Amino acid sequence: QVQLVESGGGLVQPGGSLRLSCAASGFTFNRYAMNWYRQAPGKERELVASITNTGWSTNYADSVKGRFTISRDNAKNTVYLQMNSLKPEDTALYFCAAAEILMGAARYWGQGTQVTVSS
């Protein structure tokens, strides 16, 4: 059974940091690129960051470039999203997903973890 379980969300003040984790099981993790998406109430889902199966290449949305870093540990079947200099507009439900290629359509989805940036 495929599972993607996100963790690490929470409430943080503007300018703060959070590190999201996504633990994968039930599929061959190191064969898939991994994506982080987010969706805020009333807004469309946004692809925030993507990393290849090897971790050698990454891609970021302009809205998070320079502030967020995606990484993965294939030995632990886990992908991470380090989020720094958080802004109120980063508030959203964050999802991880597995895709065939970098920035490709997601094949497997997690349930999401809430990130709220507020003072």
C-alpha atoms as a PDB file:
ATOM      1  CA  GLN A   1       0.000   0.000   0.000  1.00  0.00           C
ATOM      2  CA  VAL A   2       1.415   3.337  -1.073  1.00  0.00           C
ATOM      3  CA  GLN A   3       1.711   5.912   1.679  1.00  0.00           C
ATOM      4  CA  LEU A   4       3.097   9.428   1.784  1.00  0.00           C
ATOM      5  CA  VAL A   5       2.932  10.937   5.240  1.00  0.00           C
ATOM      6  CA  GLU A   6       3.787  14.593   5.746  1.00  0.00           C
ATOM      7  CA  SER A   7       4.836  16.115   9.050  1.00  0.00           C
ATOM      8  CA  GLY A   8       6.434  19.241  10.427  1.00  0.00           C
ATOM      9  CA  GLY A   9       3.738  21.792   9.766  1.00  0.00           C
ATOM     10  CA  GLY A  10       2.517  24.244  12.361  1.00  0.00           C
ATOM     11  CA  LEU A  11       2.164  27.870  13.346  1.00  0.00           C
ATOM     12  CA  VAL A  12       5.181  30.113  12.878  1.00  0.00           C
ATOM     13  CA  GLN A  13       5.765  33.859  12.985  1.00  0.00           C
ATOM     14  CA  PRO A  14       6.711  35.788   9.855  1.00  0.00           C
ATOM     15  CA  GLY A  15      10.422  35.451   9.212  1.00  0.00           C
ATOM     16  CA  GLY A  16      10.548  32.088  10.918  1.00  0.00           C
ATOM     17  CA  SER A  17      11.442  28.649   9.608  1.00  0.00           C
ATOM     18  CA  LEU A  18       9.893  25.225   9.359  1.00  0.00           C
ATOM     19  CA  ARG A  19      11.100  21.924   7.994  1.00  0.00           C
ATOM     20  CA  LEU A  20       8.529  19.632   6.434  1.00  0.00           C
ATOM     21  CA  SER A  21       9.139  15.908   6.032  1.00  0.00           C
ATOM     22  CA  CYS A  22       7.393  13.370   3.864  1.00  0.00           C
ATOM     23  CA  ALA A  23       7.930   9.686   4.613  1.00  0.00           C
ATOM     24  CA  ALA A  24       7.201   7.319   1.735  1.00  0.00           C
ATOM     25  CA  SER A  25       6.383   3.634   1.690  1.00  0.00           C
ATOM     26  CA  GLY A  26       4.812   1.064  -0.587  1.00  0.00           C
ATOM     27  CA  PHE A  27       6.674   2.001  -3.764  1.00  0.00           C
ATOM     28  CA  THR A  28      10.266   2.243  -4.983  1.00  0.00           C
ATOM     29  CA  PHE A  29      11.049   5.700  -3.674  1.00  0.00           C
ATOM     30  CA  ASN A  30      14.381   6.158  -5.444  1.00  0.00           C
ATOM     31  CA  ARG A  31      12.737   5.729  -8.850  1.00  0.00           C
ATOM     32  CA  TYR A  32      10.457   8.734  -8.439  1.00  0.00           C
ATOM     33  CA  ALA A  33      10.905  12.443  -8.519  1.00  0.00           C
ATOM     34  CA  MET A  34       9.239  14.117  -5.580  1.00  0.00           C
ATOM     35  CA  ASN A  35       7.196  17.299  -5.549  1.00  0.00           C
ATOM     36  CA  TRP A  36       5.929  19.618  -2.836  1.00  0.00           C
ATOM     37  CA  TYR A  37       2.666  21.412  -3.556  1.00  0.00           C
ATOM     38  CA  ARG A  38       0.620  23.842  -1.531  1.00  0.00           C
ATOM     39  CA  GLN A  39      -2.941  25.044  -1.599  1.00  0.00           C
ATOM     40  CA  ALA A  40      -4.345  28.001   0.263  1.00  0.00           C
ATOM     41  CA  PRO A  41      -8.101  28.488   0.799  1.00  0.00           C
ATOM     42  CA  GLY A  42      -9.719  29.847  -2.324  1.00  0.00           C
ATOM     43  CA  LYS A  43      -6.562  29.463  -4.395  1.00  0.00           C
ATOM     44  CA  GLU A  44      -5.337  26.934  -6.927  1.00  0.00           C
ATOM     45  CA  ARG A  45      -2.833  24.298  -5.977  1.00  0.00           C
ATOM     46  CA  GLU A  46       0.744  25.433  -6.629  1.00  0.00           C
ATOM     47  CA  LEU A  47       3.801  23.319  -7.356  1.00  0.00           C
ATOM     48  CA  VAL A  48       6.340  24.718  -4.924  1.00  0.00           C
ATOM     49  CA  ALA A  49       9.416  22.542  -5.413  1.00  0.00           C
ATOM     50  CA  SER A  50      10.510  19.414  -7.207  1.00  0.00           C
ATOM     51  CA  ILE A  51      13.532  17.116  -6.975  1.00  0.00           C
ATOM     52  CA  THR A  52      14.711  14.321  -9.255  1.00  0.00           C
ATOM     53  CA  ASN A  53      14.905  10.736  -8.075  1.00  0.00           C
ATOM     54  CA  THR A  54      18.663  11.052  -7.523  1.00  0.00           C
ATOM     55  CA  GLY A  55      18.423  14.441  -5.859  1.00  0.00           C
ATOM     56  CA  TRP A  56      20.821  15.957  -8.371  1.00  0.00           C
ATOM     57  CA  SER A  57      18.354  18.450  -9.834  1.00  0.00           C
ATOM     58  CA  THR A  58      15.732  20.661  -8.258  1.00  0.00           C
ATOM     59  CA  ASN A  59      13.229  23.249  -9.375  1.00  0.00           C
ATOM     60  CA  TYR A  60      11.332  25.943  -7.470  1.00  0.00           C
ATOM     61  CA  ALA A  61       8.394  28.233  -7.974  1.00  0.00           C
ATOM     62  CA  ASP A  62       9.444  31.863  -8.250  1.00  0.00           C
ATOM     63  CA  SER A  63       7.424  32.634  -5.134  1.00  0.00           C
ATOM     64  CA  VAL A  64       9.726  30.512  -2.936  1.00  0.00           C
ATOM     65  CA  LYS A  65      13.046  30.638  -4.783  1.00  0.00           C
ATOM     66  CA  GLY A  66      15.869  31.525  -2.430  1.00  0.00           C
ATOM     67  CA  ARG A  67      13.788  30.794   0.677  1.00  0.00           C
ATOM     68  CA  PHE A  68      12.796  27.127   0.344  1.00  0.00           C
ATOM     69  CA  THR A  69      15.056  24.121  -0.198  1.00  0.00           C
ATOM     70  CA  ILE A  70      13.919  20.664  -1.228  1.00  0.00           C
ATOM     71  CA  SER A  71      16.083  17.649  -0.443  1.00  0.00           C
ATOM     72  CA  ARG A  72      15.738  13.897  -0.105  1.00  0.00           C
ATOM     73  CA  ASP A  73      17.290  10.963   1.678  1.00  0.00           C
ATOM     74  CA  ASN A  74      16.747   7.834  -0.385  1.00  0.00           C
ATOM     75  CA  ALA A  75      18.091   5.644   2.397  1.00  0.00           C
ATOM     76  CA  LYS A  76      15.240   6.875   4.596  1.00  0.00           C
ATOM     77  CA  ASN A  77      12.597   7.134   1.847  1.00  0.00           C
ATOM     78  CA  THR A  78      12.006  10.715   2.903  1.00  0.00           C
ATOM     79  CA  VAL A  79      11.803  14.065   1.164  1.00  0.00           C
ATOM     80  CA  TYR A  80      12.149  17.369   2.986  1.00  0.00           C
ATOM     81  CA  LEU A  81      11.194  20.975   2.457  1.00  0.00           C
ATOM     82  CA  GLN A  82      13.189  23.506   4.434  1.00  0.00           C
ATOM     83  CA  MET A  83      11.268  26.770   4.551  1.00  0.00           C
ATOM     84  CA  ASN A  84      13.018  29.932   5.700  1.00  0.00           C
ATOM     85  CA  SER A  85      11.996  33.588   5.841  1.00  0.00           C
ATOM     86  CA  LEU A  86       8.368  32.549   5.925  1.00  0.00           C
ATOM     87  CA  LYS A  87       5.703  35.054   4.941  1.00  0.00           C
ATOM     88  CA  PRO A  88       1.972  35.162   5.689  1.00  0.00           C
ATOM     89  CA  GLU A  89       1.323  34.342   2.033  1.00  0.00           C
ATOM     90  CA  ASP A  90       3.086  31.000   2.544  1.00  0.00           C
ATOM     91  CA  THR A  91       0.148  29.900   4.680  1.00  0.00           C
ATOM     92  CA  ALA A  92      -1.353  26.811   3.044  1.00  0.00           C
ATOM     93  CA  LEU A  93      -1.840  23.081   3.201  1.00  0.00           C
ATOM     94  CA  TYR A  94       1.388  21.510   1.959  1.00  0.00           C
ATOM     95  CA  PHE A  95       1.369  18.165   0.136  1.00  0.00           C
ATOM     96  CA  CYS A  96       4.112  15.905  -1.060  1.00  0.00           C
ATOM     97  CA  ALA A  97       3.679  13.801  -4.173  1.00  0.00           C
ATOM     98  CA  ALA A  98       5.635  11.276  -6.211  1.00  0.00           C
ATOM     99  CA  ALA A  99       6.016  11.812  -9.943  1.00  0.00           C
ATOM    100  CA  GLU A 100       7.638  10.006 -12.849  1.00  0.00           C
ATOM    101  CA  ILE A 101       9.840  12.961 -13.722  1.00  0.00           C
ATOM    102  CA  LEU A 102      10.934  16.329 -12.332  1.00  0.00           C
ATOM    103  CA  MET A 103       7.847  18.557 -12.124  1.00  0.00           C
ATOM    104  CA  GLY A 104       5.785  15.801 -13.695  1.00  0.00           C
ATOM    105  CA  ALA A 105       2.178  14.939 -12.932  1.00  0.00           C
ATOM    106  CA  ALA A 106       1.846  13.360  -9.511  1.00  0.00           C
ATOM    107  CA  ARG A 107       1.119   9.669  -9.301  1.00  0.00           C
ATOM    108  CA  TYR A 108       0.915   9.350  -5.525  1.00  0.00           C
ATOM    109  CA  TRP A 109      -0.229  11.976  -3.018  1.00  0.00           C
ATOM    110  CA  GLY A 110       0.061  12.574   0.674  1.00  0.00           C
ATOM    111  CA  GLN A 111      -2.694  13.973   2.897  1.00  0.00           C
ATOM    112  CA  GLY A 112      -0.974  17.254   3.623  1.00  0.00           C
ATOM    113  CA  THR A 113       0.322  19.225   6.577  1.00  0.00           C
ATOM    114  CA  GLN A 114      -0.884  22.703   7.501  1.00  0.00           C
ATOM    115  CA  VAL A 115       1.528  25.617   7.616  1.00  0.00           C
ATOM    116  CA  THR A 116       0.282  28.874   9.111  1.00  0.00           C
ATOM    117  CA  VAL A 117       2.449  31.980   9.133  1.00  0.00           C
ATOM    118  CA  SER A 118       1.029  34.607  11.436  1.00  0.00           C
ATOM    119  CA  SER A 119       2.039  36.929  14.221  1.00  0.00           C
END
